[in-house]
PDB file of N, CA and C in Angstrom:
ATOM      1  N   MET A   1     -69.492  17.063 -31.437  1.00  0.00           N
ATOM      2  CA  MET A   1     -69.551  18.634 -30.813  1.00  0.00           C
ATOM      3  C   MET A   1     -69.933  18.879 -31.947  1.00  0.00           C
ATOM      4  N   ASN A   2     -70.537  20.120 -31.768  1.00  0.00           N
ATOM      5  CA  ASN A   2     -71.300  21.344 -32.479  1.00  0.00           C
ATOM      6  C   ASN A   2     -70.268  21.598 -33.141  1.00  0.00           C
ATOM      7  N   SER A   3     -71.168  21.835 -34.599  1.00  0.00           N
ATOM      8  CA  SER A   3     -69.587  22.542 -35.676  1.00  0.00           C
ATOM      9  C   SER A   3     -69.050  23.777 -34.781  1.00  0.00           C
ATOM     10  N   ASN A   4     -69.712  24.480 -34.492  1.00  0.00           N
ATOM     11  CA  ASN A   4     -69.331  25.825 -33.704  1.00  0.00           C
ATOM     12  C   ASN A   4     -68.644  25.691 -32.424  1.00  0.00           C
ATOM     13  N   PHE A   5     -67.723  24.674 -32.409  1.00  0.00           N
ATOM     14  CA  PHE A   5     -67.056  24.109 -31.304  1.00  0.00           C
ATOM     15  C   PHE A   5     -65.725  23.023 -31.996  1.00  0.00           C
ATOM     16  N   ARG A   6     -65.393  23.177 -32.893  1.00  0.00           N
ATOM     17  CA  ARG A   6     -64.812  22.184 -33.860  1.00  0.00           C
ATOM     18  C   ARG A   6     -63.014  22.785 -33.138  1.00  0.00           C
ATOM     19  N   THR A   7     -63.175  23.664 -32.624  1.00  0.00           N
ATOM     20  CA  THR A   7     -61.680  24.457 -32.281  1.00  0.00           C
ATOM     21  C   THR A   7     -61.681  24.059 -30.893  1.00  0.00           C
ATOM     22  N   VAL A   8     -62.398  23.268 -29.944  1.00  0.00           N
ATOM     23  CA  VAL A   8     -62.506  22.550 -28.558  1.00  0.00           C
ATOM     24  C   VAL A   8     -61.695  21.861 -28.366  1.00  0.00           C
ATOM     25  N   PRO A   9     -61.342  20.485 -29.590  1.00  0.00           N
ATOM     26  CA  PRO A   9     -60.380  19.500 -28.889  1.00  0.00           C
ATOM     27  C   PRO A   9     -59.003  20.060 -29.356  1.00  0.00           C
ATOM     28  N   ARG A  10     -58.604  21.141 -30.176  1.00  0.00           N
ATOM     29  CA  ARG A  10     -57.633  21.732 -30.456  1.00  0.00           C
ATOM     30  C   ARG A  10     -57.200  22.641 -29.052  1.00  0.00           C
ATOM     31  N   LEU A  11     -57.798  23.158 -28.931  1.00  0.00           N
ATOM     32  CA  LEU A  11     -57.845  24.044 -27.305  1.00  0.00           C
ATOM     33  C   LEU A  11     -57.142  23.087 -26.383  1.00  0.00           C
ATOM     34  N   ILE A  12     -57.858  22.005 -26.075  1.00  0.00           N
ATOM     35  CA  ILE A  12     -57.793  21.037 -24.670  1.00  0.00           C
ATOM     36  C   ILE A  12     -56.075  20.849 -24.776  1.00  0.00           C
ATOM     37  N   GLU A  13     -56.105  20.023 -26.086  1.00  0.00           N
ATOM     38  CA  GLU A  13     -54.832  19.438 -26.716  1.00  0.00           C
ATOM     39  C   GLU A  13     -53.293  20.692 -25.895  1.00  0.00           C
ATOM     40  N   ALA A  14     -53.454  21.714 -26.624  1.00  0.00           N
ATOM     41  CA  ALA A  14     -52.718  22.547 -26.505  1.00  0.00           C
ATOM     42  C   ALA A  14     -53.143  23.171 -24.412  1.00  0.00           C
ATOM     43  N   VAL A  15     -53.601  23.345 -24.131  1.00  0.00           N
ATOM     44  CA  VAL A  15     -53.581  23.837 -22.729  1.00  0.00           C
ATOM     45  C   VAL A  15     -53.231  22.440 -21.779  1.00  0.00           C
ATOM     46  N   ARG A  16     -53.361  21.126 -22.451  1.00  0.00           N
ATOM     47  CA  ARG A  16     -53.053  20.241 -21.844  1.00  0.00           C
ATOM     48  C   ARG A  16     -51.466  20.129 -21.558  1.00  0.00           C
ATOM     49  N   GLU A  17     -50.827  20.749 -22.137  1.00  0.00           N
ATOM     50  CA  GLU A  17     -49.551  21.300 -22.424  1.00  0.00           C
ATOM     51  C   GLU A  17     -48.737  22.177 -21.554  1.00  0.00           C
ATOM     52  N   GLU A  18     -49.496  23.015 -21.194  1.00  0.00           N
ATOM     53  CA  GLU A  18     -48.804  24.328 -20.303  1.00  0.00           C
ATOM     54  C   GLU A  18     -48.519  23.646 -19.260  1.00  0.00           C
ATOM     55  N   PRO A  19     -47.443  24.598 -18.260  1.00  0.00           N
ATOM     56  CA  PRO A  19     -47.075  24.178 -17.044  1.00  0.00           C
ATOM     57  C   PRO A  19     -48.018  24.494 -16.304  1.00  0.00           C
ATOM     58  N   GLY A  20     -48.419  24.201 -15.288  1.00  0.00           N
ATOM     59  CA  GLY A  20     -49.328  24.381 -14.112  1.00  0.00           C
ATOM     60  C   GLY A  20     -50.661  23.747 -14.747  1.00  0.00           C
ATOM     61  N   ASN A  21     -50.903  23.360 -15.538  1.00  0.00           N
ATOM     62  CA  ASN A  21     -52.170  22.989 -15.840  1.00  0.00           C
ATOM     63  C   ASN A  21     -52.349  21.343 -15.640  1.00  0.00           C
ATOM     64  N   LEU A  22     -53.404  21.066 -14.520  1.00  0.00           N
ATOM     65  CA  LEU A  22     -53.374  19.468 -13.960  1.00  0.00           C
ATOM     66  C   LEU A  22     -54.331  19.143 -14.646  1.00  0.00           C
ATOM     67  N   ALA A  23     -55.623  19.714 -15.364  1.00  0.00           N
ATOM     68  CA  ALA A  23     -56.705  18.617 -15.816  1.00  0.00           C
ATOM     69  C   ALA A  23     -57.319  19.941 -16.952  1.00  0.00           C
ATOM     70  N   PHE A  24     -57.948  19.495 -17.683  1.00  0.00           N
ATOM     71  CA  PHE A  24     -58.491  20.698 -18.706  1.00  0.00           C
ATOM     72  C   PHE A  24     -59.703  19.556 -19.453  1.00  0.00           C
ATOM     73  N   THR A  25     -61.058  19.384 -19.399  1.00  0.00           N
ATOM     74  CA  THR A  25     -61.935  18.828 -19.697  1.00  0.00           C
ATOM     75  C   THR A  25     -63.368  19.575 -20.302  1.00  0.00           C
ATOM     76  N   ALA A  26     -63.780  19.116 -21.252  1.00  0.00           N
ATOM     77  CA  ALA A  26     -64.941  19.482 -21.513  1.00  0.00           C
ATOM     78  C   ALA A  26     -65.954  18.618 -21.829  1.00  0.00           C
ATOM     79  N   TYR A  27     -67.161  19.197 -21.335  1.00  0.00           N
ATOM     80  CA  TYR A  27     -68.170  18.365 -21.225  1.00  0.00           C
ATOM     81  C   TYR A  27     -69.490  19.001 -21.896  1.00  0.00           C
ATOM     82  N   ARG A  28     -70.373  18.519 -22.464  1.00  0.00           N
ATOM     83  CA  ARG A  28     -71.001  18.728 -23.307  1.00  0.00           C
ATOM     84  C   ARG A  28     -72.623  18.285 -22.578  1.00  0.00           C
ATOM     85  N   GLN A  29     -73.455  19.165 -22.553  1.00  0.00           N
ATOM     86  CA  GLN A  29     -75.261  18.830 -22.422  1.00  0.00           C
ATOM     87  C   GLN A  29     -75.762  17.859 -23.173  1.00  0.00           C
ATOM     88  N   LEU A  30     -76.367  16.862 -22.429  1.00  0.00           N
ATOM     89  CA  LEU A  30     -77.311  15.626 -23.016  1.00  0.00           C
ATOM     90  C   LEU A  30     -78.264  16.723 -23.847  1.00  0.00           C
ATOM     91  N   GLY A  31     -78.254  16.216 -24.756  1.00  0.00           N
ATOM     92  CA  GLY A  31     -79.814  16.683 -25.185  1.00  0.00           C
ATOM     93  C   GLY A  31     -79.889  18.001 -26.199  1.00  0.00           C
ATOM     94  N   ASP A  32     -78.360  18.694 -25.953  1.00  0.00           N
ATOM     95  CA  ASP A  32     -78.044  20.299 -26.384  1.00  0.00           C
ATOM     96  C   ASP A  32     -76.735  20.643 -26.808  1.00  0.00           C
ATOM     97  N   ASP A  33     -76.354  19.905 -27.907  1.00  0.00           N
ATOM     98  CA  ASP A  33     -74.773  19.965 -28.158  1.00  0.00           C
ATOM     99  C   ASP A  33     -74.255  21.194 -27.776  1.00  0.00           C
ATOM    100  N   ARG A  34     -75.247  21.832 -27.944  1.00  0.00           N
ATOM    101  CA  ARG A  34     -74.480  23.604 -27.762  1.00  0.00           C
ATOM    102  C   ARG A  34     -73.968  24.408 -26.704  1.00  0.00           C
ATOM    103  N   LYS A  35     -74.248  23.563 -25.383  1.00  0.00           N
ATOM    104  CA  LYS A  35     -74.191  23.974 -24.195  1.00  0.00           C
ATOM    105  C   LYS A  35     -72.846  22.996 -23.873  1.00  0.00           C
ATOM    106  N   VAL A  36     -71.759  23.730 -23.765  1.00  0.00           N
ATOM    107  CA  VAL A  36     -70.485  23.330 -23.419  1.00  0.00           C
ATOM    108  C   VAL A  36     -69.937  23.695 -22.086  1.00  0.00           C
ATOM    109  N   VAL A  37     -69.236  23.476 -21.072  1.00  0.00           N
ATOM    110  CA  VAL A  37     -68.813  23.412 -20.249  1.00  0.00           C
ATOM    111  C   VAL A  37     -67.016  23.179 -20.193  1.00  0.00           C
ATOM    112  N   LEU A  38     -66.393  23.863 -20.143  1.00  0.00           N
ATOM    113  CA  LEU A  38     -64.819  23.607 -19.823  1.00  0.00           C
ATOM    114  C   LEU A  38     -64.420  23.843 -18.404  1.00  0.00           C
ATOM    115  N   LEU A  39     -63.893  22.978 -17.994  1.00  0.00           N
ATOM    116  CA  LEU A  39     -63.384  22.493 -16.411  1.00  0.00           C
ATOM    117  C   LEU A  39     -62.029  22.894 -16.621  1.00  0.00           C
ATOM    118  N   GLU A  40     -61.302  23.810 -15.985  1.00  0.00           N
ATOM    119  CA  GLU A  40     -59.611  23.781 -16.087  1.00  0.00           C
ATOM    120  C   GLU A  40     -59.427  23.814 -14.428  1.00  0.00           C
ATOM    121  N   ARG A  41     -58.267  23.352 -14.444  1.00  0.00           N
ATOM    122  CA  ARG A  41     -57.533  23.193 -13.221  1.00  0.00           C
ATOM    123  C   ARG A  41     -55.903  23.509 -13.082  1.00  0.00           C
ATOM    124  N   TYR A  42     -55.081  24.626 -12.481  1.00  0.00           N
ATOM    125  CA  TYR A  42     -54.066  25.344 -12.694  1.00  0.00           C
ATOM    126  C   TYR A  42     -53.401  25.161 -11.200  1.00  0.00           C
ATOM    127  N   ALA A  43     -52.312  24.897 -10.991  1.00  0.00           N
ATOM    128  CA  ALA A  43     -51.340  25.091  -9.925  1.00  0.00           C
ATOM    129  C   ALA A  43     -49.822  25.435 -10.364  1.00  0.00           C
ATOM    130  N   PRO A  44     -49.079  26.200  -9.875  1.00  0.00           N
ATOM    131  CA  PRO A  44     -50.052  27.741  -8.444  1.00  0.00           C
ATOM    132  C   PRO A  44     -51.042  28.342  -9.418  1.00  0.00           C
ATOM    133  N   SER A  45     -51.549  29.328  -8.467  1.00  0.00           N
ATOM    134  CA  SER A  45     -52.474  30.143  -9.537  1.00  0.00           C
ATOM    135  C   SER A  45     -51.907  31.059 -10.402  1.00  0.00           C
ATOM    136  N   GLU A  46     -51.017  31.222 -10.193  1.00  0.00           N
ATOM    137  CA  GLU A  46     -50.542  31.975 -11.524  1.00  0.00           C
ATOM    138  C   GLU A  46     -50.711  31.528 -13.055  1.00  0.00           C
ATOM    139  N   ALA A  47     -50.523  30.362 -12.681  1.00  0.00           N
ATOM    140  CA  ALA A  47     -50.739  29.191 -14.241  1.00  0.00           C
ATOM    141  C   ALA A  47     -51.713  29.741 -14.687  1.00  0.00           C
ATOM    142  N   LEU A  48     -53.035  30.133 -14.086  1.00  0.00           N
ATOM    143  CA  LEU A  48     -54.222  30.535 -14.868  1.00  0.00           C
ATOM    144  C   LEU A  48     -53.918  31.680 -15.910  1.00  0.00           C
ATOM    145  N   ALA A  49     -53.232  32.597 -14.946  1.00  0.00           N
ATOM    146  CA  ALA A  49     -52.809  33.904 -15.265  1.00  0.00           C
ATOM    147  C   ALA A  49     -52.003  33.762 -16.861  1.00  0.00           C
ATOM    148  N   ALA A  50     -50.921  33.019 -16.759  1.00  0.00           N
ATOM    149  CA  ALA A  50     -50.187  32.501 -18.023  1.00  0.00           C
ATOM    150  C   ALA A  50     -50.827  31.682 -18.776  1.00  0.00           C
ATOM    151  N   HIS A  51     -52.185  31.194 -18.906  1.00  0.00           N
ATOM    152  CA  HIS A  51     -52.372  30.353 -19.468  1.00  0.00           C
ATOM    153  C   HIS A  51     -53.553  31.582 -20.643  1.00  0.00           C
ATOM    154  N   ARG A  52     -54.009  32.907 -20.181  1.00  0.00           N
ATOM    155  CA  ARG A  52     -54.566  33.790 -20.514  1.00  0.00           C
ATOM    156  C   ARG A  52     -53.906  34.452 -21.467  1.00  0.00           C
ATOM    157  N   GLU A  53     -52.419  34.567 -21.199  1.00  0.00           N
ATOM    158  CA  GLU A  53     -51.604  35.127 -21.777  1.00  0.00           C
ATOM    159  C   GLU A  53     -51.225  34.164 -23.096  1.00  0.00           C
ATOM    160  N   THR A  54     -51.318  33.026 -23.214  1.00  0.00           N
ATOM    161  CA  THR A  54     -51.105  32.320 -24.924  1.00  0.00           C
ATOM    162  C   THR A  54     -51.577  32.095 -25.844  1.00  0.00           C
ATOM    163  N   ALA A  55     -51.170  32.180 -26.737  1.00  0.00           N
ATOM    164  CA  ALA A  55     -51.439  32.389 -28.058  1.00  0.00           C
ATOM    165  C   ALA A  55     -52.476  31.562 -28.432  1.00  0.00           C
ATOM    166  N   HIS A  56     -52.556  29.904 -28.043  1.00  0.00           N
ATOM    167  CA  HIS A  56     -53.689  29.216 -28.666  1.00  0.00           C
ATOM    168  C   HIS A  56     -54.773  29.827 -27.538  1.00  0.00           C
ATOM    169  N   PHE A  57     -54.685  30.264 -26.516  1.00  0.00           N
ATOM    170  CA  PHE A  57     -56.409  31.023 -25.526  1.00  0.00           C
ATOM    171  C   PHE A  57     -56.394  32.302 -26.502  1.00  0.00           C
ATOM    172  N   LYS A  58     -55.685  33.283 -27.033  1.00  0.00           N
ATOM    173  CA  LYS A  58     -55.960  34.422 -27.254  1.00  0.00           C
ATOM    174  C   LYS A  58     -56.763  34.438 -28.573  1.00  0.00           C
ATOM    175  N   ASP A  59     -55.993  33.282 -29.670  1.00  0.00           N
ATOM    176  CA  ASP A  59     -56.428  33.034 -30.971  1.00  0.00           C
ATOM    177  C   ASP A  59     -57.725  31.823 -30.812  1.00  0.00           C
ATOM    178  N   LEU A  60     -57.864  30.574 -30.130  1.00  0.00           N
ATOM    179  CA  LEU A  60     -58.725  29.913 -29.972  1.00  0.00           C
ATOM    180  C   LEU A  60     -60.173  30.046 -29.255  1.00  0.00           C
ATOM    181  N   VAL A  61     -59.671  30.283 -27.792  1.00  0.00           N
ATOM    182  CA  VAL A  61     -60.567  30.966 -27.096  1.00  0.00           C
ATOM    183  C   VAL A  61     -61.066  32.450 -27.226  1.00  0.00           C
ATOM    184  N   LEU A  62     -60.346  33.720 -27.650  1.00  0.00           N
ATOM    185  CA  LEU A  62     -61.023  35.040 -27.633  1.00  0.00           C
ATOM    186  C   LEU A  62     -61.452  35.192 -28.867  1.00  0.00           C
ATOM    187  N   GLY A  63     -60.319  34.394 -30.168  1.00  0.00           N
ATOM    188  CA  GLY A  63     -60.881  34.733 -31.511  1.00  0.00           C
ATOM    189  C   GLY A  63     -61.794  33.590 -32.252  1.00  0.00           C
ATOM    190  N   GLN A  64     -61.984  32.660 -32.014  1.00  0.00           N
ATOM    191  CA  GLN A  64     -62.885  31.704 -32.379  1.00  0.00           C
ATOM    192  C   GLN A  64     -64.012  31.289 -31.667  1.00  0.00           C
ATOM    193  N   ILE A  65     -63.766  30.891 -30.600  1.00  0.00           N
ATOM    194  CA  ILE A  65     -65.015  30.279 -29.436  1.00  0.00           C
ATOM    195  C   ILE A  65     -66.208  31.162 -29.348  1.00  0.00           C
ATOM    196  N   VAL A  66     -65.462  32.437 -28.146  1.00  0.00           N
ATOM    197  CA  VAL A  66     -66.048  33.437 -27.768  1.00  0.00           C
ATOM    198  C   VAL A  66     -67.250  33.722 -28.692  1.00  0.00           C
ATOM    199  N   PRO A  67     -66.379  34.865 -30.122  1.00  0.00           N
ATOM    200  CA  PRO A  67     -67.290  35.200 -30.707  1.00  0.00           C
ATOM    201  C   PRO A  67     -68.607  34.835 -31.033  1.00  0.00           C
ATOM    202  N   ARG A  68     -68.278  33.248 -31.115  1.00  0.00           N
ATOM    203  CA  ARG A  68     -69.965  32.601 -31.282  1.00  0.00           C
ATOM    204  C   ARG A  68     -70.602  32.190 -30.111  1.00  0.00           C
ATOM    205  N   LEU A  69     -70.210  32.184 -28.992  1.00  0.00           N
ATOM    206  CA  LEU A  69     -71.160  32.221 -28.449  1.00  0.00           C
ATOM    207  C   LEU A  69     -72.540  33.181 -27.534  1.00  0.00           C
ATOM    208  N   ASP A  70     -73.293  32.171 -27.297  1.00  0.00           N
ATOM    209  CA  ASP A  70     -74.755  33.016 -27.059  1.00  0.00           C
ATOM    210  C   ASP A  70     -74.585  33.537 -25.954  1.00  0.00           C
ATOM    211  N   SER A  71     -73.768  32.833 -25.025  1.00  0.00           N
ATOM    212  CA  SER A  71     -73.778  33.585 -23.494  1.00  0.00           C
ATOM    213  C   SER A  71     -72.388  32.844 -22.991  1.00  0.00           C
ATOM    214  N   ARG A  72     -71.633  33.421 -22.166  1.00  0.00           N
ATOM    215  CA  ARG A  72     -70.124  32.940 -21.739  1.00  0.00           C
ATOM    216  C   ARG A  72     -70.241  33.197 -20.093  1.00  0.00           C
ATOM    217  N   VAL A  73     -70.377  32.351 -18.848  1.00  0.00           N
ATOM    218  CA  VAL A  73     -69.863  32.171 -17.394  1.00  0.00           C
ATOM    219  C   VAL A  73     -68.762  31.970 -17.212  1.00  0.00           C
ATOM    220  N   VAL A  74     -68.141  32.854 -16.475  1.00  0.00           N
ATOM    221  CA  VAL A  74     -66.617  32.103 -16.243  1.00  0.00           C
ATOM    222  C   VAL A  74     -66.550  32.424 -14.384  1.00  0.00           C
ATOM    223  N   GLU A  75     -66.189  31.172 -14.179  1.00  0.00           N
ATOM    224  CA  GLU A  75     -66.084  31.593 -12.678  1.00  0.00           C
ATOM    225  C   GLU A  75     -64.895  30.615 -11.636  1.00  0.00           C
ATOM    226  N   ILE A  76     -64.500  31.396 -11.392  1.00  0.00           N
ATOM    227  CA  ILE A  76     -63.060  31.139 -10.758  1.00  0.00           C
ATOM    228  C   ILE A  76     -63.108  30.671  -9.265  1.00  0.00           C
ATOM    229  N   TYR A  77     -62.715  29.482  -8.744  1.00  0.00           N
ATOM    230  CA  TYR A  77     -62.723  29.126  -7.481  1.00  0.00           C
ATOM    231  C   TYR A  77     -61.106  28.382  -7.040  1.00  0.00           C
ATOM    232  N   ASP A  78     -61.137  28.596  -5.874  1.00  0.00           N
ATOM    233  CA  ASP A  78     -59.765  28.602  -5.150  1.00  0.00           C
ATOM    234  C   ASP A  78     -59.800  27.645  -4.517  1.00  0.00           C
ATOM    235  N   ILE A  79     -59.358  26.153  -3.910  1.00  0.00           N
ATOM    236  CA  ILE A  79     -59.293  25.083  -3.079  1.00  0.00           C
ATOM    237  C   ILE A  79     -58.861  25.699  -1.858  1.00  0.00           C
ATOM    238  N   ALA A  80     -59.328  25.232  -0.815  1.00  0.00           N
ATOM    239  CA  ALA A  80     -59.147  25.202   0.608  1.00  0.00           C
ATOM    240  C   ALA A  80     -57.873  24.248   0.615  1.00  0.00           C
ATOM    241  N   GLU A  81     -56.841  24.980   1.223  1.00  0.00           N
ATOM    242  CA  GLU A  81     -56.275  23.812   1.820  1.00  0.00           C
ATOM    243  C   GLU A  81     -55.779  23.383   3.184  1.00  0.00           C
TER     244      GLU A  81
END
């Protein structure tokens, strides 16, 4: 993974330990390791809000990853039951 994203494996490890996290995976675009997609699943939906309050989210995502991004898109979906 691009050196700008050395923190991603640490983030994945921490997030997978959170209550309510069902899955967290990072995908890198073939041919361009600067483009990364993080796919996260939480249940119940309140677990996502709790995730955003964790120390590792604030430190790794907001403090280390986001400042290095050229762009960031956050999309939130709900599963129809």
